Amino acid sequence: MGKTKDVILNNDGTCTLKFKDDATGKNGVFDPGENQVGLTIDGMGRASLILSQHFFKILSEHNIPTHFIDCDVEEGTMTVRSLNIIPVEFIWRDVAWGSFCRAYGVEQGFMLNGLIEATLKSDELGDPRITKETLIAIGKLSANDYDTCVDFMGKIGNILKAELAKDGLELYDFKLEFGHDSDGNLILGDEISGGIWRVFKDGKSVLPIDCAKIICPEYY
């Protein structure tokens, strides 16, 4: 039972992700940078599924390995490969916003040009920022896995930024998770949707469902 998705283990070793309408935020305001569910948005789960399958297919075309197998938009489910998720969130930042500005005293809008950060995935600790050396020292992942994740993040950032620009959308930041499959391969997991990024259009923030309507209008 996750914050925004429930995970069901299937008999064949795959998993079914059931997308929910819950979203991260605080005091009823959506914020992809928060680590707690703060509101429910009608249609959020469907929009997240639509965008996830759309972008997973695009990444596959660019030889980025993902856990995506198939999806059923009407049922709100996605079938994926089972992964042992690394307890680290990797964040790609092109424009400073949110928690980054609060942490470092940087003005919103400061250009970061694809900066990649890592945070320890822990609700109890508040998802603290963490260095490569510390992650290795405490045994969360190897140096090679860290470098591979960073490499993937850079490539994915360039792909997503270019794809969103086609619809007049500007990608400020996003966060992703990676894991190992049964063969030990490191691949992209979780989701790629309006719930994991900040996107702006004409200087105004675009809500997750509106992102789905702009990028995948055929579903609406």
C-alpha atoms as a PDB file:
ATOM      1  CA  MET A   1       0.000   0.000   0.000  1.00  0.00           C
ATOM      2  CA  GLY A   2       1.893   3.052  -1.244  1.00  0.00           C
ATOM      3  CA  LYS A   3       1.240   6.775  -1.097  1.00  0.00           C
ATOM      4  CA  THR A   4       0.028   7.129  -4.664  1.00  0.00           C
ATOM      5  CA  LYS A   5      -0.009   3.484  -5.860  1.00  0.00           C
ATOM      6  CA  ASP A   6      -0.727   0.028  -4.498  1.00  0.00           C
ATOM      7  CA  VAL A   7       1.559  -2.846  -5.551  1.00  0.00           C
ATOM      8  CA  ILE A   8       0.274  -6.362  -6.230  1.00  0.00           C
ATOM      9  CA  LEU A   9       2.685  -9.263  -6.759  1.00  0.00           C
ATOM     10  CA  ASN A  10       1.452 -11.541  -9.566  1.00  0.00           C
ATOM     11  CA  ASN A  11       1.941 -15.302  -9.800  1.00  0.00           C
ATOM     12  CA  ASP A  12       4.318 -14.946 -12.746  1.00  0.00           C
ATOM     13  CA  GLY A  13       6.696 -12.714 -10.776  1.00  0.00           C
ATOM     14  CA  THR A  14       5.574  -9.447 -12.343  1.00  0.00           C
ATOM     15  CA  CYS A  15       3.818  -6.720 -10.377  1.00  0.00           C
ATOM     16  CA  THR A  16       0.626  -4.780 -10.978  1.00  0.00           C
ATOM     17  CA  LEU A  17       0.643  -1.134  -9.943  1.00  0.00           C
ATOM     18  CA  LYS A  18      -2.788   0.287  -9.103  1.00  0.00           C
ATOM     19  CA  PHE A  19      -2.701   4.066  -9.443  1.00  0.00           C
ATOM     20  CA  LYS A  20      -4.637   6.151  -6.905  1.00  0.00           C
ATOM     21  CA  ASP A  21      -5.928   9.723  -6.867  1.00  0.00           C
ATOM     22  CA  ASP A  22      -3.800  10.640  -3.847  1.00  0.00           C
ATOM     23  CA  ALA A  23      -1.068  13.241  -4.378  1.00  0.00           C
ATOM     24  CA  THR A  24       1.865  14.569  -2.377  1.00  0.00           C
ATOM     25  CA  GLY A  25       1.603  18.025  -0.869  1.00  0.00           C
ATOM     26  CA  LYS A  26       0.748  19.951   2.256  1.00  0.00           C
ATOM     27  CA  ASN A  27      -2.367  21.772   3.432  1.00  0.00           C
ATOM     28  CA  GLY A  28      -4.261  20.758   0.323  1.00  0.00           C
ATOM     29  CA  VAL A  29      -1.653  22.173  -2.092  1.00  0.00           C
ATOM     30  CA  PHE A  30       0.034  19.841  -4.573  1.00  0.00           C
ATOM     31  CA  ASP A  31       3.834  19.704  -4.285  1.00  0.00           C
ATOM     32  CA  PRO A  32       5.939  16.963  -5.948  1.00  0.00           C
ATOM     33  CA  GLY A  33       8.752  17.834  -3.530  1.00  0.00           C
ATOM     34  CA  GLU A  34       6.767  16.750  -0.468  1.00  0.00           C
ATOM     35  CA  ASN A  35       7.136  13.256   0.970  1.00  0.00           C
ATOM     36  CA  GLN A  36       3.630  13.023   2.390  1.00  0.00           C
ATOM     37  CA  VAL A  37       0.188  12.656   0.849  1.00  0.00           C
ATOM     38  CA  GLY A  38      -1.593  15.942   1.355  1.00  0.00           C
ATOM     39  CA  LEU A  39      -4.587  15.844  -0.975  1.00  0.00           C
ATOM     40  CA  THR A  40      -6.722  13.819  -3.345  1.00  0.00           C
ATOM     41  CA  ILE A  41      -7.211  14.982  -6.932  1.00  0.00           C
ATOM     42  CA  ASP A  42     -10.017  13.383  -8.945  1.00  0.00           C
ATOM     43  CA  GLY A  43      -8.479  11.753 -12.021  1.00  0.00           C
ATOM     44  CA  MET A  44      -4.903  11.977 -10.720  1.00  0.00           C
ATOM     45  CA  GLY A  45      -4.317   8.219 -10.872  1.00  0.00           C
ATOM     46  CA  ARG A  46      -5.533   7.916 -14.452  1.00  0.00           C
ATOM     47  CA  ALA A  47      -3.447  10.902 -15.551  1.00  0.00           C
ATOM     48  CA  SER A  48      -0.345   9.459 -13.869  1.00  0.00           C
ATOM     49  CA  LEU A  49      -0.853   6.130 -15.622  1.00  0.00           C
ATOM     50  CA  ILE A  50      -1.399   7.754 -19.023  1.00  0.00           C
ATOM     51  CA  LEU A  51       1.774   9.824 -18.761  1.00  0.00           C
ATOM     52  CA  SER A  52       3.833   6.954 -17.327  1.00  0.00           C
ATOM     53  CA  GLN A  53       3.082   4.548 -20.156  1.00  0.00           C
ATOM     54  CA  HIS A  54       3.626   7.352 -22.682  1.00  0.00           C
ATOM     55  CA  PHE A  55       7.090   8.248 -21.405  1.00  0.00           C
ATOM     56  CA  PHE A  56       8.218   4.714 -20.585  1.00  0.00           C
ATOM     57  CA  LYS A  57       7.642   3.838 -24.237  1.00  0.00           C
ATOM     58  CA  ILE A  58       9.629   6.879 -25.361  1.00  0.00           C
ATOM     59  CA  LEU A  59      12.516   6.035 -23.037  1.00  0.00           C
ATOM     60  CA  SER A  60      12.549   2.476 -24.347  1.00  0.00           C
ATOM     61  CA  GLU A  61      12.990   3.881 -27.849  1.00  0.00           C
ATOM     62  CA  HIS A  62      16.084   5.694 -26.518  1.00  0.00           C
ATOM     63  CA  ASN A  63      17.475   2.462 -25.007  1.00  0.00           C
ATOM     64  CA  ILE A  64      16.746   3.461 -21.403  1.00  0.00           C
ATOM     65  CA  PRO A  65      15.773   0.219 -19.564  1.00  0.00           C
ATOM     66  CA  THR A  66      12.536   0.464 -17.543  1.00  0.00           C
ATOM     67  CA  HIS A  67      10.273  -1.900 -15.624  1.00  0.00           C
ATOM     68  CA  PHE A  68       7.259  -1.150 -17.859  1.00  0.00           C
ATOM     69  CA  ILE A  69       5.522  -4.109 -19.522  1.00  0.00           C
ATOM     70  CA  ASP A  70       1.942  -3.053 -20.275  1.00  0.00           C
ATOM     71  CA  CYS A  71      -0.953  -1.034 -18.898  1.00  0.00           C
ATOM     72  CA  ASP A  72      -4.753  -0.896 -18.789  1.00  0.00           C
ATOM     73  CA  VAL A  73      -5.850   2.728 -18.662  1.00  0.00           C
ATOM     74  CA  GLU A  74      -9.497   1.876 -18.010  1.00  0.00           C
ATOM     75  CA  GLU A  75      -8.573  -0.324 -15.030  1.00  0.00           C
ATOM     76  CA  GLY A  76      -5.961   2.170 -13.818  1.00  0.00           C
ATOM     77  CA  THR A  77      -3.246  -0.472 -13.667  1.00  0.00           C
ATOM     78  CA  MET A  78       0.257  -0.967 -15.052  1.00  0.00           C
ATOM     79  CA  THR A  79       2.073  -4.298 -15.276  1.00  0.00           C
ATOM     80  CA  VAL A  80       5.775  -4.031 -14.509  1.00  0.00           C
ATOM     81  CA  ARG A  81       8.833  -6.151 -13.866  1.00  0.00           C
ATOM     82  CA  SER A  82       9.449  -6.858 -10.200  1.00  0.00           C
ATOM     83  CA  LEU A  83      12.328  -4.797  -8.819  1.00  0.00           C
ATOM     84  CA  ASN A  84      14.389  -4.528  -5.676  1.00  0.00           C
ATOM     85  CA  ILE A  85      14.145  -0.749  -5.399  1.00  0.00           C
ATOM     86  CA  ILE A  86      17.210   1.172  -4.239  1.00  0.00           C
ATOM     87  CA  PRO A  87      16.210   3.385  -1.262  1.00  0.00           C
ATOM     88  CA  VAL A  88      17.422   6.525  -3.028  1.00  0.00           C
ATOM     89  CA  GLU A  89      15.585   9.175  -5.033  1.00  0.00           C
ATOM     90  CA  PHE A  90      17.549  10.882  -7.777  1.00  0.00           C
ATOM     91  CA  ILE A  91      16.537  14.436  -8.633  1.00  0.00           C
ATOM     92  CA  TRP A  92      17.264  16.306 -11.871  1.00  0.00           C
ATOM     93  CA  ARG A  93      17.062  20.091 -11.538  1.00  0.00           C
ATOM     94  CA  ASP A  94      17.157  22.537 -14.418  1.00  0.00           C
ATOM     95  CA  VAL A  95      15.578  25.466 -12.582  1.00  0.00           C
ATOM     96  CA  ALA A  96      15.825  26.031  -8.815  1.00  0.00           C
ATOM     97  CA  TRP A  97      12.488  25.740  -7.020  1.00  0.00           C
ATOM     98  CA  GLY A  98      10.887  24.546  -3.825  1.00  0.00           C
ATOM     99  CA  SER A  99      13.013  22.726  -1.253  1.00  0.00           C
ATOM    100  CA  PHE A 100      16.256  23.431  -3.125  1.00  0.00           C
ATOM    101  CA  CYS A 101      15.773  27.170  -2.682  1.00  0.00           C
ATOM    102  CA  ARG A 102      14.879  26.747   0.984  1.00  0.00           C
ATOM    103  CA  ALA A 103      17.895  24.526   1.639  1.00  0.00           C
ATOM    104  CA  TYR A 104      20.518  26.659  -0.098  1.00  0.00           C
ATOM    105  CA  GLY A 105      19.111  30.173  -0.019  1.00  0.00           C
ATOM    106  CA  VAL A 106      18.900  30.330  -3.796  1.00  0.00           C
ATOM    107  CA  GLU A 107      16.260  32.461  -5.498  1.00  0.00           C
ATOM    108  CA  GLN A 108      13.507  30.678  -7.394  1.00  0.00           C
ATOM    109  CA  GLY A 109      14.289  30.573 -11.075  1.00  0.00           C
ATOM    110  CA  PHE A 110      18.053  30.287 -10.669  1.00  0.00           C
ATOM    111  CA  MET A 111      19.377  28.131 -13.525  1.00  0.00           C
ATOM    112  CA  LEU A 112      20.921  24.817 -12.477  1.00  0.00           C
ATOM    113  CA  ASN A 113      21.324  23.321 -15.955  1.00  0.00           C
ATOM    114  CA  GLY A 114      20.534  19.688 -15.244  1.00  0.00           C
ATOM    115  CA  LEU A 115      22.039  19.396 -11.757  1.00  0.00           C
ATOM    116  CA  ILE A 116      21.563  15.886 -10.334  1.00  0.00           C
ATOM    117  CA  GLU A 117      21.088  15.281  -6.606  1.00  0.00           C
ATOM    118  CA  ALA A 118      20.359  12.233  -4.469  1.00  0.00           C
ATOM    119  CA  THR A 119      18.170  11.948  -1.393  1.00  0.00           C
ATOM    120  CA  LEU A 120      17.857   9.019   0.988  1.00  0.00           C
ATOM    121  CA  LYS A 121      14.357   7.596   0.585  1.00  0.00           C
ATOM    122  CA  SER A 122      13.099   7.685   4.171  1.00  0.00           C
ATOM    123  CA  ASP A 123       9.882   9.292   5.359  1.00  0.00           C
ATOM    124  CA  GLU A 124      11.057   9.044   8.960  1.00  0.00           C
ATOM    125  CA  LEU A 125      14.215  11.062   8.212  1.00  0.00           C
ATOM    126  CA  GLY A 126      12.523  13.482   5.831  1.00  0.00           C
ATOM    127  CA  ASP A 127      14.311  12.243   2.674  1.00  0.00           C
ATOM    128  CA  PRO A 128      17.628  13.989   3.482  1.00  0.00           C
ATOM    129  CA  ARG A 129      20.065  14.975   0.741  1.00  0.00           C
ATOM    130  CA  ILE A 130      22.989  12.593   0.664  1.00  0.00           C
ATOM    131  CA  THR A 131      26.311  12.300  -1.147  1.00  0.00           C
ATOM    132  CA  LYS A 132      27.625   9.450  -3.266  1.00  0.00           C
ATOM    133  CA  GLU A 133      30.336   8.709  -0.712  1.00  0.00           C
ATOM    134  CA  THR A 134      27.867   8.516   2.169  1.00  0.00           C
ATOM    135  CA  LEU A 135      25.510   6.229   0.257  1.00  0.00           C
ATOM    136  CA  ILE A 136      28.390   3.880  -0.482  1.00  0.00           C
ATOM    137  CA  ALA A 137      29.679   4.041   3.104  1.00  0.00           C
ATOM    138  CA  ILE A 138      26.310   3.067   4.609  1.00  0.00           C
ATOM    139  CA  GLY A 139      25.777   0.317   2.037  1.00  0.00           C
ATOM    140  CA  LYS A 140      22.793   1.674   0.144  1.00  0.00           C
ATOM    141  CA  LEU A 141      24.347   1.185  -3.312  1.00  0.00           C
ATOM    142  CA  SER A 142      27.668   0.644  -5.056  1.00  0.00           C
ATOM    143  CA  ALA A 143      29.784   3.294  -6.732  1.00  0.00           C
ATOM    144  CA  ASN A 144      29.027   1.748 -10.120  1.00  0.00           C
ATOM    145  CA  ASP A 145      25.265   1.768  -9.488  1.00  0.00           C
ATOM    146  CA  TYR A 146      25.402   5.402  -8.374  1.00  0.00           C
ATOM    147  CA  ASP A 147      27.276   6.415 -11.519  1.00  0.00           C
ATOM    148  CA  THR A 148      24.853   4.446 -13.687  1.00  0.00           C
ATOM    149  CA  CYS A 149      21.839   6.140 -12.077  1.00  0.00           C
ATOM    150  CA  VAL A 150      23.391   9.577 -12.574  1.00  0.00           C
ATOM    151  CA  ASP A 151      24.116   8.741 -16.208  1.00  0.00           C
ATOM    152  CA  PHE A 152      20.518   7.591 -16.722  1.00  0.00           C
ATOM    153  CA  MET A 153      19.196  10.745 -15.027  1.00  0.00           C
ATOM    154  CA  GLY A 154      21.173  12.998 -17.348  1.00  0.00           C
ATOM    155  CA  LYS A 155      19.925  11.186 -20.435  1.00  0.00           C
ATOM    156  CA  ILE A 156      16.333  11.038 -19.186  1.00  0.00           C
ATOM    157  CA  GLY A 157      16.410  14.743 -18.302  1.00  0.00           C
ATOM    158  CA  ASN A 158      17.436  15.661 -21.833  1.00  0.00           C
ATOM    159  CA  ILE A 159      14.754  13.411 -23.332  1.00  0.00           C
ATOM    160  CA  LEU A 160      11.918  14.635 -21.104  1.00  0.00           C
ATOM    161  CA  LYS A 161      12.913  18.273 -21.516  1.00  0.00           C
ATOM    162  CA  ALA A 162      12.873  17.954 -25.305  1.00  0.00           C
ATOM    163  CA  GLU A 163       9.591  16.026 -25.374  1.00  0.00           C
ATOM    164  CA  LEU A 164       7.799  18.497 -23.105  1.00  0.00           C
ATOM    165  CA  ALA A 165       9.112  21.448 -25.105  1.00  0.00           C
ATOM    166  CA  LYS A 166       7.200  20.095 -28.103  1.00  0.00           C
ATOM    167  CA  ASP A 167       4.012  21.025 -26.244  1.00  0.00           C
ATOM    168  CA  GLY A 168       5.326  24.357 -25.004  1.00  0.00           C
ATOM    169  CA  LEU A 169       6.055  22.987 -21.544  1.00  0.00           C
ATOM    170  CA  GLU A 170       9.177  23.815 -19.527  1.00  0.00           C
ATOM    171  CA  LEU A 171      10.583  21.131 -17.233  1.00  0.00           C
ATOM    172  CA  TYR A 172      11.991  22.562 -13.986  1.00  0.00           C
ATOM    173  CA  ASP A 173      12.802  19.356 -12.102  1.00  0.00           C
ATOM    174  CA  PHE A 174      11.810  15.727 -11.548  1.00  0.00           C
ATOM    175  CA  LYS A 175      12.668  12.768  -9.325  1.00  0.00           C
ATOM    176  CA  LEU A 176      12.990   9.092 -10.210  1.00  0.00           C
ATOM    177  CA  GLU A 177      13.721   5.749  -8.587  1.00  0.00           C
ATOM    178  CA  PHE A 178      15.783   2.808  -9.825  1.00  0.00           C
ATOM    179  CA  GLY A 179      16.039  -0.826  -8.850  1.00  0.00           C
ATOM    180  CA  HIS A 180      17.534  -4.203  -9.733  1.00  0.00           C
ATOM    181  CA  ASP A 181      15.566  -6.882 -11.546  1.00  0.00           C
ATOM    182  CA  SER A 182      15.923 -10.617 -10.881  1.00  0.00           C
ATOM    183  CA  ASP A 183      19.005 -10.723 -13.104  1.00  0.00           C
ATOM    184  CA  GLY A 184      20.704  -7.892 -11.247  1.00  0.00           C
ATOM    185  CA  ASN A 185      20.168  -5.332 -14.010  1.00  0.00           C
ATOM    186  CA  LEU A 186      19.739  -1.739 -12.876  1.00  0.00           C
ATOM    187  CA  ILE A 187      16.620  -0.246 -14.476  1.00  0.00           C
ATOM    188  CA  LEU A 188      14.176   2.622 -14.039  1.00  0.00           C
ATOM    189  CA  GLY A 189      11.141   1.918 -11.857  1.00  0.00           C
ATOM    190  CA  ASP A 190       8.135   3.663 -10.289  1.00  0.00           C
ATOM    191  CA  GLU A 191       6.404   6.191 -12.584  1.00  0.00           C
ATOM    192  CA  ILE A 192       6.992   9.177 -14.859  1.00  0.00           C
ATOM    193  CA  SER A 193       4.056  11.500 -14.433  1.00  0.00           C
ATOM    194  CA  GLY A 194       2.892  14.894 -13.297  1.00  0.00           C
ATOM    195  CA  GLY A 195       3.354  13.718  -9.735  1.00  0.00           C
ATOM    196  CA  ILE A 196       7.148  13.509  -9.954  1.00  0.00           C
ATOM    197  CA  TRP A 197       7.999  16.779 -11.716  1.00  0.00           C
ATOM    198  CA  ARG A 198       7.481  20.523 -11.840  1.00  0.00           C
ATOM    199  CA  VAL A 199       6.376  21.756 -15.249  1.00  0.00           C
ATOM    200  CA  PHE A 200       5.599  25.320 -16.264  1.00  0.00           C
ATOM    201  CA  LYS A 201       3.892  26.857 -19.286  1.00  0.00           C
ATOM    202  CA  ASP A 202       4.022  30.592 -20.001  1.00  0.00           C
ATOM    203  CA  GLY A 203       5.492  31.155 -16.550  1.00  0.00           C
ATOM    204  CA  LYS A 204       2.703  29.313 -14.691  1.00  0.00           C
ATOM    205  CA  SER A 205       2.840  25.929 -12.995  1.00  0.00           C
ATOM    206  CA  VAL A 206       0.927  23.185 -14.815  1.00  0.00           C
ATOM    207  CA  LEU A 207      -0.996  20.713 -12.643  1.00  0.00           C
ATOM    208  CA  PRO A 208      -0.514  16.953 -13.231  1.00  0.00           C
ATOM    209  CA  ILE A 209      -3.888  16.322 -14.875  1.00  0.00           C
ATOM    210  CA  ASP A 210      -3.444  19.322 -17.157  1.00  0.00           C
ATOM    211  CA  CYS A 211      -0.058  17.906 -18.192  1.00  0.00           C
ATOM    212  CA  ALA A 212      -1.752  14.682 -19.235  1.00  0.00           C
ATOM    213  CA  LYS A 213      -4.414  16.558 -21.185  1.00  0.00           C
ATOM    214  CA  ILE A 214      -1.777  18.598 -23.038  1.00  0.00           C
ATOM    215  CA  ILE A 215       0.633  15.734 -23.765  1.00  0.00           C
ATOM    216  CA  CYS A 216      -1.876  12.914 -24.365  1.00  0.00           C
ATOM    217  CA  PRO A 217      -5.112  14.633 -25.504  1.00  0.00           C
ATOM    218  CA  GLU A 218      -6.337  11.446 -27.174  1.00  0.00           C
ATOM    219  CA  TYR A 219      -7.347  10.108 -23.742  1.00  0.00           C
ATOM    220  CA  TYR A 220      -9.529  13.114 -22.933  1.00  0.00           C
END
